[in-house]
Protein backbone atom coordinates (compact mmCIF):
# COMPACT_ATOMS: atom_id res chain seq x y z
CA UNK A 1 17.54 5.46 -38.27
CA UNK A 2 17.66 5.20 -34.29
CA UNK A 3 15.98 8.17 -33.17
CA UNK A 4 13.19 6.72 -34.60
CA UNK A 5 13.04 3.82 -33.95
CA UNK A 6 13.99 5.11 -30.40
CA UNK A 7 10.63 6.92 -30.55
CA UNK A 8 8.58 4.16 -31.64
CA UNK A 9 9.47 1.70 -28.78
CA UNK A 10 9.02 4.71 -26.13
CA UNK A 11 5.98 5.33 -27.27
CA UNK A 12 4.42 2.02 -27.74
CA UNK A 13 5.80 1.06 -24.06
CA UNK A 14 3.47 4.11 -23.52
CA UNK A 15 0.39 2.90 -24.79
CA UNK A 16 1.52 -0.44 -23.50
CA UNK A 17 -0.53 1.09 -20.01
CA UNK A 18 -3.90 0.39 -22.00
CA UNK A 19 -3.35 -3.33 -21.50
CA UNK A 20 -4.27 -2.32 -17.81
CA UNK A 21 -7.50 -1.83 -18.52
CA UNK A 22 -9.71 -4.97 -18.72
CA UNK A 23 -7.93 -5.44 -15.64
CA UNK A 24 -10.14 -2.80 -14.16
CA UNK A 25 -12.92 -3.60 -15.41
CA UNK A 26 -12.59 -6.83 -14.54
CA UNK A 27 -12.15 -5.27 -10.70
CA UNK A 28 -15.81 -3.58 -11.67
CA UNK A 29 -17.12 -6.99 -12.52
CA UNK A 30 -15.56 -8.69 -8.71
CA UNK A 31 -17.56 -5.32 -7.20
CA UNK A 32 -20.44 -6.90 -8.69
CA UNK A 33 -19.73 -10.38 -7.54
CA UNK A 34 -19.28 -8.50 -4.01
CA UNK A 35 -22.81 -6.93 -3.98
CA UNK A 36 -24.10 -9.72 -5.38
CA UNK A 37 -23.16 -11.52 -2.15
CA UNK A 38 -23.70 -9.04 -0.13
CA UNK A 39 -27.17 -8.51 -1.21
CA UNK A 40 -27.98 -13.01 -0.78
CA UNK A 41 -26.25 -12.75 3.11
CA UNK A 42 -28.09 -9.10 4.00
CA UNK A 43 -31.81 -10.74 2.86
CA UNK A 44 -30.62 -14.51 4.40
CA UNK A 45 -29.52 -12.25 7.47
CA UNK A 46 -32.96 -10.86 7.49
CA UNK A 47 -35.04 -13.38 6.93
CA UNK A 48 -33.46 -15.11 9.84
CA UNK A 49 -33.30 -12.15 12.26
CA UNK A 50 -36.30 -13.00 14.32
CA UNK A 51 -34.63 -16.74 15.22
CA UNK A 52 -30.90 -16.29 15.15
CA UNK A 53 -28.94 -15.28 18.53
CA UNK A 54 -27.50 -12.19 19.14
CA UNK A 55 -23.74 -13.91 18.12
CA UNK A 56 -24.97 -15.15 14.93
CA UNK A 57 -26.20 -11.84 13.99
CA UNK A 58 -23.84 -10.30 15.49
CA UNK A 59 -21.24 -12.72 12.80
CA UNK A 60 -23.54 -11.88 9.98
CA UNK A 61 -22.96 -8.13 10.67
CA UNK A 62 -19.36 -8.81 10.54
CA UNK A 63 -19.76 -10.98 7.20
CA UNK A 64 -20.69 -7.82 5.47
CA UNK A 65 -18.34 -5.35 7.11
CA UNK A 66 -15.86 -7.64 5.92
CA UNK A 67 -17.67 -7.56 2.33
CA UNK A 68 -17.56 -3.79 2.22
CA UNK A 69 -14.08 -3.86 3.33
CA UNK A 70 -13.44 -6.35 0.61
CA UNK A 71 -15.74 -3.52 -2.23
CA UNK A 72 -14.35 -0.41 -0.69
CA UNK A 73 -10.50 -1.87 -1.25
CA UNK A 74 -11.28 -3.27 -4.92
CA UNK A 75 -12.55 0.77 -5.47
CA UNK A 76 -8.94 2.45 -3.95
CA UNK A 77 -7.21 -0.39 -6.48
CA UNK A 78 -9.58 0.99 -9.54
CA UNK A 79 -9.38 4.59 -8.80
CA UNK A 80 -5.86 4.88 -7.49
CA UNK A 81 -4.70 2.42 -9.94
CA UNK A 82 -5.91 3.95 -13.04
CA UNK A 83 -5.19 6.90 -12.28
CA UNK A 84 -1.12 5.71 -11.24
CA UNK A 85 -0.94 3.94 -13.86
CA UNK A 86 -3.55 4.34 -17.25
CA UNK A 87 -5.06 8.06 -17.95
CA UNK A 88 -6.43 10.80 -15.37
CA UNK A 89 -10.22 10.40 -14.65
CA UNK A 90 -11.57 13.73 -15.59
CA UNK A 91 -14.03 14.31 -13.39
CA UNK A 92 -12.34 16.94 -11.36
CA UNK A 93 -15.57 18.73 -11.11
CA UNK A 94 -17.64 16.69 -9.45
CA UNK A 95 -19.42 17.17 -6.14
CA UNK A 96 -19.25 13.41 -5.11
CA UNK A 97 -15.02 12.79 -6.20
CA UNK A 98 -13.97 11.70 -3.58
CA UNK A 99 -10.97 14.07 -1.87
CA UNK A 100 -8.38 11.51 -1.69
CA UNK A 101 -8.43 10.99 -6.14
CA UNK A 102 -5.30 12.37 -7.83
CA UNK A 103 -2.73 12.02 -4.18
CA UNK A 104 -2.79 8.25 -3.67
CA UNK A 105 0.49 7.58 -5.49
CA UNK A 106 1.66 4.18 -5.56
CA UNK A 107 3.69 4.15 -2.40
CA UNK A 108 0.39 5.58 -0.56
CA UNK A 109 -1.97 2.60 -2.70
CA UNK A 110 0.34 0.02 -0.79
CA UNK A 111 -0.07 0.95 2.58
CA UNK A 112 -3.95 2.09 2.11
CA UNK A 113 -4.14 -2.06 0.18
CA UNK A 114 -2.47 -3.17 3.16
CA UNK A 115 -4.64 -1.40 5.89
CA UNK A 116 -7.54 -3.01 4.53
CA UNK A 117 -5.84 -6.64 4.32
CA UNK A 118 -5.55 -5.57 7.42
CA UNK A 119 -9.01 -4.84 8.22
CA UNK A 120 -10.00 -8.12 7.08
CA UNK A 121 -7.52 -10.45 8.28
CA UNK A 122 -8.91 -8.81 11.69
CA UNK A 123 -12.37 -9.07 10.88
CA UNK A 124 -11.95 -12.77 10.35
CA UNK A 125 -10.40 -13.28 13.62
CA UNK A 126 -12.92 -11.49 15.32
CA UNK A 127 -14.91 -14.06 13.93
CA UNK A 128 -12.90 -16.91 14.91
CA UNK A 129 -12.99 -15.51 18.19
CA UNK A 130 -16.76 -15.36 18.62
CA UNK A 131 -16.59 -19.07 17.49
CA UNK A 132 -13.57 -20.26 19.35
CA UNK A 133 -15.52 -23.65 19.89
CA UNK A 134 -15.37 -24.69 16.31
CA UNK A 135 -11.38 -23.66 15.89
CA UNK A 136 -8.54 -25.60 17.05
CA UNK A 137 -5.99 -24.05 19.00
CA UNK A 138 -3.17 -24.50 16.46
CA UNK A 139 -5.94 -22.95 13.48
CA UNK A 140 -6.14 -19.80 15.29
CA UNK A 141 -2.62 -19.26 16.64
CA UNK A 142 -1.89 -19.19 12.77
CA UNK A 143 -5.25 -17.03 12.00
CA UNK A 144 -3.15 -14.85 14.61
CA UNK A 145 0.23 -15.76 13.23
CA UNK A 146 -0.93 -14.53 10.01
CA UNK A 147 -2.55 -11.50 10.89
CA UNK A 148 0.48 -10.61 12.35
CA UNK A 149 2.49 -11.01 9.18
CA UNK A 150 0.09 -8.74 7.75
CA UNK A 151 0.13 -6.17 10.81
CA UNK A 152 3.91 -6.06 11.15
CA UNK A 153 4.16 -5.59 7.07
CA UNK A 154 2.50 -2.49 6.85
CA UNK A 155 4.29 -0.82 9.94
CA UNK A 156 7.69 -1.53 7.91
CA UNK A 157 6.19 -0.66 4.70
CA UNK A 158 5.19 2.53 6.70
CA UNK A 159 8.56 2.51 8.16
CA UNK A 160 9.95 2.36 5.09
CA UNK A 161 8.16 4.86 3.15
CA UNK A 162 8.47 7.31 6.03
CA UNK A 163 12.23 6.81 5.61
CA UNK A 164 12.01 7.24 1.69
CA UNK A 165 10.38 10.24 2.18
CA UNK A 166 12.80 12.05 4.75
CA UNK A 167 15.93 11.12 2.52
CA UNK A 168 14.08 12.72 -0.75
CA UNK A 169 14.31 8.93 -2.22
CA UNK A 170 10.53 8.51 -2.46
CA UNK A 171 9.86 11.27 -4.56
CA UNK A 172 7.25 10.80 -7.15
CA UNK A 173 5.84 7.14 -6.10
CA UNK A 174 7.89 3.92 -5.84
């Protein structure tokens, strides 16, 4: 009887991974929202192109890059999260399959996420520096501090993973 209960619980726990499916579908919806805002921003910039300054154009392009990085980050989370926690994607023979798919464990996913967050933060910081007159010194200092927190966190996380991998304790993901 105990063995049957244990087997039932194990199967239930394993099947519970499918609870994550709506999260990934929601992230696909998030991609669509980013696409909408990207298109809206692009069309606005295109419409204003003849009348805006070079600095304003650069700011608009940085905003588009920011949204693109956020979309890339979302896609990485969808692909790697699905493959690591729900089910393998059966697209091995597809010519457009990214090389990293199937090779990004949870540890690498964390590093990719943090690297994307650092890049997004850097773009936000660059945008703020380009509009330095619109921010107080205190606000800029906070932005730099937050960005450096992301950078240092990424370096520490990478170092921890390197140490864990070198001692053999990091095999199989985290």
